[in-house]
Amino acid sequence: AIEIKNLTKRYDDLFSLGTINMTIP
């Protein structure tokens, strides 16, 4: 249903998401 590869998101120096790899069957 969902496949995420190498997802990143940065908010300046406050917060960083990633690197996210996730699969949801």
PDB file of all heavy atoms in Angstrom:
ATOM      1  N   ALA A   1       0.833  -1.196   0.000  1.00  0.00           N
ATOM      2  CA  ALA A   1       0.000   0.000   0.000  1.00  0.00           C
ATOM      3  C   ALA A   1       0.869   1.249   0.000  1.00  0.00           C
ATOM      4  O   ALA A   1       0.559   2.239  -0.663  1.00  0.00           O
ATOM      5  CB  ALA A   1      -0.925   0.000   1.206  1.00  0.00           C
ATOM      6  N   ILE A   2       1.965   1.197   0.766  1.00  0.00           N
ATOM      7  CA  ILE A   2       2.880   2.343   0.878  1.00  0.00           C
ATOM      8  C   ILE A   2       4.318   1.849   0.751  1.00  0.00           C
ATOM      9  O   ILE A   2       4.690   0.836   1.354  1.00  0.00           O
ATOM     10  CB  ILE A   2       2.705   3.062   2.234  1.00  0.00           C
ATOM     11  CG1 ILE A   2       1.293   3.650   2.368  1.00  0.00           C
ATOM     12  CG2 ILE A   2       3.750   4.166   2.410  1.00  0.00           C
ATOM     13  CD1 ILE A   2       1.010   4.255   3.736  1.00  0.00           C
ATOM     14  N   GLU A   3       5.110   2.573  -0.004  1.00  0.00           N
ATOM     15  CA  GLU A   3       6.541   2.270  -0.110  1.00  0.00           C
ATOM     16  C   GLU A   3       7.312   3.587  -0.087  1.00  0.00           C
ATOM     17  O   GLU A   3       7.137   4.442  -0.955  1.00  0.00           O
ATOM     18  CB  GLU A   3       6.830   1.509  -1.400  1.00  0.00           C
ATOM     19  CG  GLU A   3       8.261   1.015  -1.507  1.00  0.00           C
ATOM     20  CD  GLU A   3       8.503   0.158  -2.746  1.00  0.00           C
ATOM     21  OE1 GLU A   3       7.511  -0.138  -3.457  1.00  0.00           O
ATOM     22  OE2 GLU A   3       9.655  -0.203  -2.990  1.00  0.00           O
ATOM     23  N   ILE A   4       8.133   3.750   0.938  1.00  0.00           N
ATOM     24  CA  ILE A   4       8.919   4.972   1.118  1.00  0.00           C
ATOM     25  C   ILE A   4      10.397   4.626   1.007  1.00  0.00           C
ATOM     26  O   ILE A   4      10.879   3.702   1.661  1.00  0.00           O
ATOM     27  CB  ILE A   4       8.648   5.610   2.501  1.00  0.00           C
ATOM     28  CG1 ILE A   4       7.167   5.958   2.647  1.00  0.00           C
ATOM     29  CG2 ILE A   4       9.501   6.850   2.702  1.00  0.00           C
ATOM     30  CD1 ILE A   4       6.790   6.391   4.047  1.00  0.00           C
ATOM     31  N   LYS A   5      11.114   5.369   0.173  1.00  0.00           N
ATOM     32  CA  LYS A   5      12.548   5.130   0.002  1.00  0.00           C
ATOM     33  C   LYS A   5      13.319   6.436   0.174  1.00  0.00           C
ATOM     34  O   LYS A   5      13.046   7.433  -0.501  1.00  0.00           O
ATOM     35  CB  LYS A   5      12.835   4.544  -1.383  1.00  0.00           C
ATOM     36  CG  LYS A   5      12.357   3.113  -1.562  1.00  0.00           C
ATOM     37  CD  LYS A   5      12.796   2.554  -2.907  1.00  0.00           C
ATOM     38  CE  LYS A   5      12.369   1.094  -3.072  1.00  0.00           C
ATOM     39  NZ  LYS A   5      12.786   0.539  -4.392  1.00  0.00           N
ATOM     40  N   ASN A   6      14.261   6.404   1.125  1.00  0.00           N
ATOM     41  CA  ASN A   6      15.227   7.493   1.317  1.00  0.00           C
ATOM     42  C   ASN A   6      14.563   8.861   1.521  1.00  0.00           C
ATOM     43  O   ASN A   6      15.035   9.877   1.014  1.00  0.00           O
ATOM     44  CB  ASN A   6      16.205   7.556   0.139  1.00  0.00           C
ATOM     45  CG  ASN A   6      16.954   6.253  -0.050  1.00  0.00           C
ATOM     46  OD1 ASN A   6      17.379   5.627   0.912  1.00  0.00           O
ATOM     47  ND2 ASN A   6      17.121   5.828  -1.299  1.00  0.00           N
ATOM     48  N   LEU A   7      13.490   8.883   2.289  1.00  0.00           N
ATOM     49  CA  LEU A   7      12.778  10.128   2.549  1.00  0.00           C
ATOM     50  C   LEU A   7      13.527  10.971   3.571  1.00  0.00           C
ATOM     51  O   LEU A   7      13.913  10.483   4.637  1.00  0.00           O
ATOM     52  CB  LEU A   7      11.367   9.814   3.071  1.00  0.00           C
ATOM     53  CG  LEU A   7      10.551  10.988   3.625  1.00  0.00           C
ATOM     54  CD1 LEU A   7      10.252  12.005   2.541  1.00  0.00           C
ATOM     55  CD2 LEU A   7       9.266  10.489   4.275  1.00  0.00           C
ATOM     56  N   THR A   8      13.709  12.257   3.253  1.00  0.00           N
ATOM     57  CA  THR A   8      14.304  13.200   4.212  1.00  0.00           C
ATOM     58  C   THR A   8      13.533  14.507   4.178  1.00  0.00           C
ATOM     59  O   THR A   8      12.972  14.898   3.149  1.00  0.00           O
ATOM     60  CB  THR A   8      15.792  13.506   3.899  1.00  0.00           C
ATOM     61  OG1 THR A   8      15.887  14.162   2.624  1.00  0.00           O
ATOM     62  CG2 THR A   8      16.621  12.236   3.890  1.00  0.00           C
ATOM     63  N   LYS A   9      13.494  15.171   5.321  1.00  0.00           N
ATOM     64  CA  LYS A   9      12.893  16.495   5.434  1.00  0.00           C
ATOM     65  C   LYS A   9      13.580  17.228   6.578  1.00  0.00           C
ATOM     66  O   LYS A   9      13.625  16.729   7.709  1.00  0.00           O
ATOM     67  CB  LYS A   9      11.389  16.402   5.705  1.00  0.00           C
ATOM     68  CG  LYS A   9      10.714  17.738   5.972  1.00  0.00           C
ATOM     69  CD  LYS A   9      10.744  18.657   4.759  1.00  0.00           C
ATOM     70  CE  LYS A   9      10.052  19.980   5.040  1.00  0.00           C
ATOM     71  NZ  LYS A   9      10.103  20.894   3.866  1.00  0.00           N
ATOM     72  N   ARG A  10      14.130  18.413   6.286  1.00  0.00           N
ATOM     73  CA  ARG A  10      14.827  19.189   7.316  1.00  0.00           C
ATOM     74  C   ARG A  10      14.131  20.530   7.513  1.00  0.00           C
ATOM     75  O   ARG A  10      13.756  21.195   6.542  1.00  0.00           O
ATOM     76  CB  ARG A  10      16.287  19.420   6.916  1.00  0.00           C
ATOM     77  CG  ARG A  10      17.068  20.291   7.906  1.00  0.00           C
ATOM     78  CD  ARG A  10      18.506  20.442   7.476  1.00  0.00           C
ATOM     79  NE  ARG A  10      19.227  19.185   7.642  1.00  0.00           N
ATOM     80  CZ  ARG A  10      19.755  18.775   8.786  1.00  0.00           C
ATOM     81  NH1 ARG A  10      19.632  19.511   9.882  1.00  0.00           N
ATOM     82  NH2 ARG A  10      20.414  17.641   8.851  1.00  0.00           N
ATOM     83  N   TYR A  11      13.962  20.903   8.781  1.00  0.00           N
ATOM     84  CA  TYR A  11      13.466  22.224   9.130  1.00  0.00           C
ATOM     85  C   TYR A  11      14.627  23.029   9.716  1.00  0.00           C
ATOM     86  O   TYR A  11      14.871  22.987  10.930  1.00  0.00           O
ATOM     87  CB  TYR A  11      12.333  22.126  10.140  1.00  0.00           C
ATOM     88  CG  TYR A  11      11.066  21.490   9.607  1.00  0.00           C
ATOM     89  CD1 TYR A  11      10.783  20.153   9.885  1.00  0.00           C
ATOM     90  CD2 TYR A  11      10.170  22.202   8.832  1.00  0.00           C
ATOM     91  CE1 TYR A  11       9.620  19.558   9.408  1.00  0.00           C
ATOM     92  CE2 TYR A  11       9.009  21.622   8.348  1.00  0.00           C
ATOM     93  CZ  TYR A  11       8.739  20.301   8.639  1.00  0.00           C
ATOM     94  OH  TYR A  11       7.597  19.702   8.155  1.00  0.00           O
ATOM     95  N   ASP A  12      15.366  23.717   8.877  1.00  0.00           N
ATOM     96  CA  ASP A  12      16.553  24.468   9.308  1.00  0.00           C
ATOM     97  C   ASP A  12      17.412  23.580  10.219  1.00  0.00           C
ATOM     98  O   ASP A  12      17.724  22.459   9.878  1.00  0.00           O
ATOM     99  CB  ASP A  12      16.145  25.763  10.009  1.00  0.00           C
ATOM    100  CG  ASP A  12      15.361  26.685   9.062  1.00  0.00           C
ATOM    101  OD1 ASP A  12      15.713  26.716   7.887  1.00  0.00           O
ATOM    102  OD2 ASP A  12      14.406  27.342   9.510  1.00  0.00           O
ATOM    103  N   ASP A  13      17.758  24.093  11.390  1.00  0.00           N
ATOM    104  CA  ASP A  13      18.543  23.288  12.338  1.00  0.00           C
ATOM    105  C   ASP A  13      17.672  22.754  13.466  1.00  0.00           C
ATOM    106  O   ASP A  13      18.174  22.199  14.442  1.00  0.00           O
ATOM    107  CB  ASP A  13      19.682  24.131  12.937  1.00  0.00           C
ATOM    108  CG  ASP A  13      20.707  24.520  11.885  1.00  0.00           C
ATOM    109  OD1 ASP A  13      20.911  23.716  10.951  1.00  0.00           O
ATOM    110  OD2 ASP A  13      21.279  25.618  11.991  1.00  0.00           O
ATOM    111  N   LEU A  14      16.346  22.921  13.345  1.00  0.00           N
ATOM    112  CA  LEU A  14      15.452  22.550  14.436  1.00  0.00           C
ATOM    113  C   LEU A  14      15.137  21.062  14.449  1.00  0.00           C
ATOM    114  O   LEU A  14      15.084  20.431  15.502  1.00  0.00           O
ATOM    115  CB  LEU A  14      14.147  23.353  14.327  1.00  0.00           C
ATOM    116  CG  LEU A  14      14.295  24.871  14.405  1.00  0.00           C
ATOM    117  CD1 LEU A  14      12.945  25.542  14.189  1.00  0.00           C
ATOM    118  CD2 LEU A  14      14.881  25.274  15.757  1.00  0.00           C
ATOM    119  N   PHE A  15      14.901  20.487  13.256  1.00  0.00           N
ATOM    120  CA  PHE A  15      14.475  19.086  13.204  1.00  0.00           C
ATOM    121  C   PHE A  15      14.808  18.502  11.842  1.00  0.00           C
ATOM    122  O   PHE A  15      14.711  19.179  10.822  1.00  0.00           O
ATOM    123  CB  PHE A  15      12.972  18.959  13.462  1.00  0.00           C
ATOM    124  CG  PHE A  15      12.455  17.546  13.320  1.00  0.00           C
ATOM    125  CD1 PHE A  15      12.677  16.617  14.322  1.00  0.00           C
ATOM    126  CD2 PHE A  15      11.779  17.146  12.180  1.00  0.00           C
ATOM    127  CE1 PHE A  15      12.220  15.317  14.184  1.00  0.00           C
ATOM    128  CE2 PHE A  15      11.314  15.859  12.036  1.00  0.00           C
ATOM    129  CZ  PHE A  15      11.537  14.939  13.044  1.00  0.00           C
ATOM    130  N   SER A  16      15.185  17.235  11.853  1.00  0.00           N
ATOM    131  CA  SER A  16      15.473  16.537  10.608  1.00  0.00           C
ATOM    132  C   SER A  16      14.802  15.177  10.623  1.00  0.00           C
ATOM    133  O   SER A  16      14.949  14.412  11.578  1.00  0.00           O
ATOM    134  CB  SER A  16      16.988  16.374  10.432  1.00  0.00           C
ATOM    135  OG  SER A  16      17.281  15.631   9.255  1.00  0.00           O
ATOM    136  N   LEU A  17      14.048  14.869   9.569  1.00  0.00           N
ATOM    137  CA  LEU A  17      13.431  13.560   9.398  1.00  0.00           C
ATOM    138  C   LEU A  17      14.221  12.779   8.374  1.00  0.00           C
ATOM    139  O   LEU A  17      14.462  13.251   7.274  1.00  0.00           O
ATOM    140  CB  LEU A  17      11.984  13.705   8.909  1.00  0.00           C
ATOM    141  CG  LEU A  17      11.222  12.396   8.625  1.00  0.00           C
ATOM    142  CD1 LEU A  17      10.857  11.705   9.937  1.00  0.00           C
ATOM    143  CD2 LEU A  17       9.962  12.664   7.814  1.00  0.00           C
ATOM    144  N   GLY A  18      14.585  11.549   8.757  1.00  0.00           N
ATOM    145  CA  GLY A  18      15.208  10.679   7.755  1.00  0.00           C
ATOM    146  C   GLY A  18      16.632  10.322   8.098  1.00  0.00           C
ATOM    147  O   GLY A  18      17.192  10.788   9.073  1.00  0.00           O
ATOM    148  N   THR A  19      17.136   9.424   7.298  1.00  0.00           N
ATOM    149  CA  THR A  19      16.569   8.887   6.067  1.00  0.00           C
ATOM    150  C   THR A  19      15.563   7.768   6.404  1.00  0.00           C
ATOM    151  O   THR A  19      15.897   6.832   7.114  1.00  0.00           O
ATOM    152  CB  THR A  19      17.675   8.328   5.166  1.00  0.00           C
ATOM    153  OG1 THR A  19      18.618   9.353   4.892  1.00  0.00           O
ATOM    154  CG2 THR A  19      17.130   7.763   3.879  1.00  0.00           C
ATOM    155  N   ILE A  20      14.320   7.886   5.857  1.00  0.00           N
ATOM    156  CA  ILE A  20      13.239   6.959   6.167  1.00  0.00           C
ATOM    157  C   ILE A  20      13.038   5.981   5.019  1.00  0.00           C
ATOM    158  O   ILE A  20      12.843   6.379   3.868  1.00  0.00           O
ATOM    159  CB  ILE A  20      11.917   7.704   6.434  1.00  0.00           C
ATOM    160  CG1 ILE A  20      12.050   8.656   7.631  1.00  0.00           C
ATOM    161  CG2 ILE A  20      10.778   6.715   6.645  1.00  0.00           C
ATOM    162  CD1 ILE A  20      12.261   7.980   8.960  1.00  0.00           C
ATOM    163  N   ASN A  21      13.086   4.694   5.348  1.00  0.00           N
ATOM    164  CA  ASN A  21      12.731   3.632   4.411  1.00  0.00           C
ATOM    165  C   ASN A  21      11.680   2.765   5.098  1.00  0.00           C
ATOM    166  O   ASN A  21      11.922   2.238   6.186  1.00  0.00           O
ATOM    167  CB  ASN A  21      13.950   2.789   4.034  1.00  0.00           C
ATOM    168  CG  ASN A  21      14.930   3.553   3.164  1.00  0.00           C
ATOM    169  OD1 ASN A  21      14.722   3.728   1.970  1.00  0.00           O
ATOM    170  ND2 ASN A  21      16.009   4.032   3.774  1.00  0.00           N
ATOM    171  N   MET A  22      10.518   2.622   4.471  1.00  0.00           N
ATOM    172  CA  MET A  22       9.423   1.911   5.123  1.00  0.00           C
ATOM    173  C   MET A  22       8.496   1.327   4.073  1.00  0.00           C
ATOM    174  O   MET A  22       8.192   1.966   3.070  1.00  0.00           O
ATOM    175  CB  MET A  22       8.645   2.860   6.038  1.00  0.00           C
ATOM    176  CG  MET A  22       7.536   2.207   6.847  1.00  0.00           C
ATOM    177  SD  MET A  22       6.823   3.346   8.069  1.00  0.00           S
ATOM    178  CE  MET A  22       5.845   4.410   7.014  1.00  0.00           C
ATOM    179  N   THR A  23       8.044   0.102   4.322  1.00  0.00           N
ATOM    180  CA  THR A  23       7.092  -0.553   3.440  1.00  0.00           C
ATOM    181  C   THR A  23       5.903  -1.034   4.257  1.00  0.00           C
ATOM    182  O   THR A  23       6.083  -1.634   5.321  1.00  0.00           O
ATOM    183  CB  THR A  23       7.737  -1.762   2.719  1.00  0.00           C
ATOM    184  OG1 THR A  23       8.838  -1.301   1.922  1.00  0.00           O
ATOM    185  CG2 THR A  23       6.727  -2.452   1.819  1.00  0.00           C
ATOM    186  N   ILE A  24       4.709  -0.752   3.760  1.00  0.00           N
ATOM    187  CA  ILE A  24       3.478  -1.208   4.421  1.00  0.00           C
ATOM    188  C   ILE A  24       2.698  -2.060   3.437  1.00  0.00           C
ATOM    189  O   ILE A  24       2.173  -1.543   2.442  1.00  0.00           O
ATOM    190  CB  ILE A  24       2.625  -0.021   4.889  1.00  0.00           C
ATOM    191  CG1 ILE A  24       3.400   0.809   5.928  1.00  0.00           C
ATOM    192  CG2 ILE A  24       1.304  -0.512   5.478  1.00  0.00           C
ATOM    193  CD1 ILE A  24       2.651   2.022   6.415  1.00  0.00           C
ATOM    194  N   PRO A  25       2.615  -3.367   3.678  1.00  0.00           N
ATOM    195  CA  PRO A  25       1.851  -4.240   2.776  1.00  0.00           C
ATOM    196  C   PRO A  25       0.355  -3.948   2.846  1.00  0.00           C
ATOM    197  O   PRO A  25      -0.160  -3.523   3.877  1.00  0.00           O
ATOM    198  CB  PRO A  25       2.165  -5.648   3.310  1.00  0.00           C
ATOM    199  CG  PRO A  25       3.366  -5.502   4.170  1.00  0.00           C
ATOM    200  CD  PRO A  25       3.289  -4.130   4.738  1.00  0.00           C
TER     201      PRO A  25
END
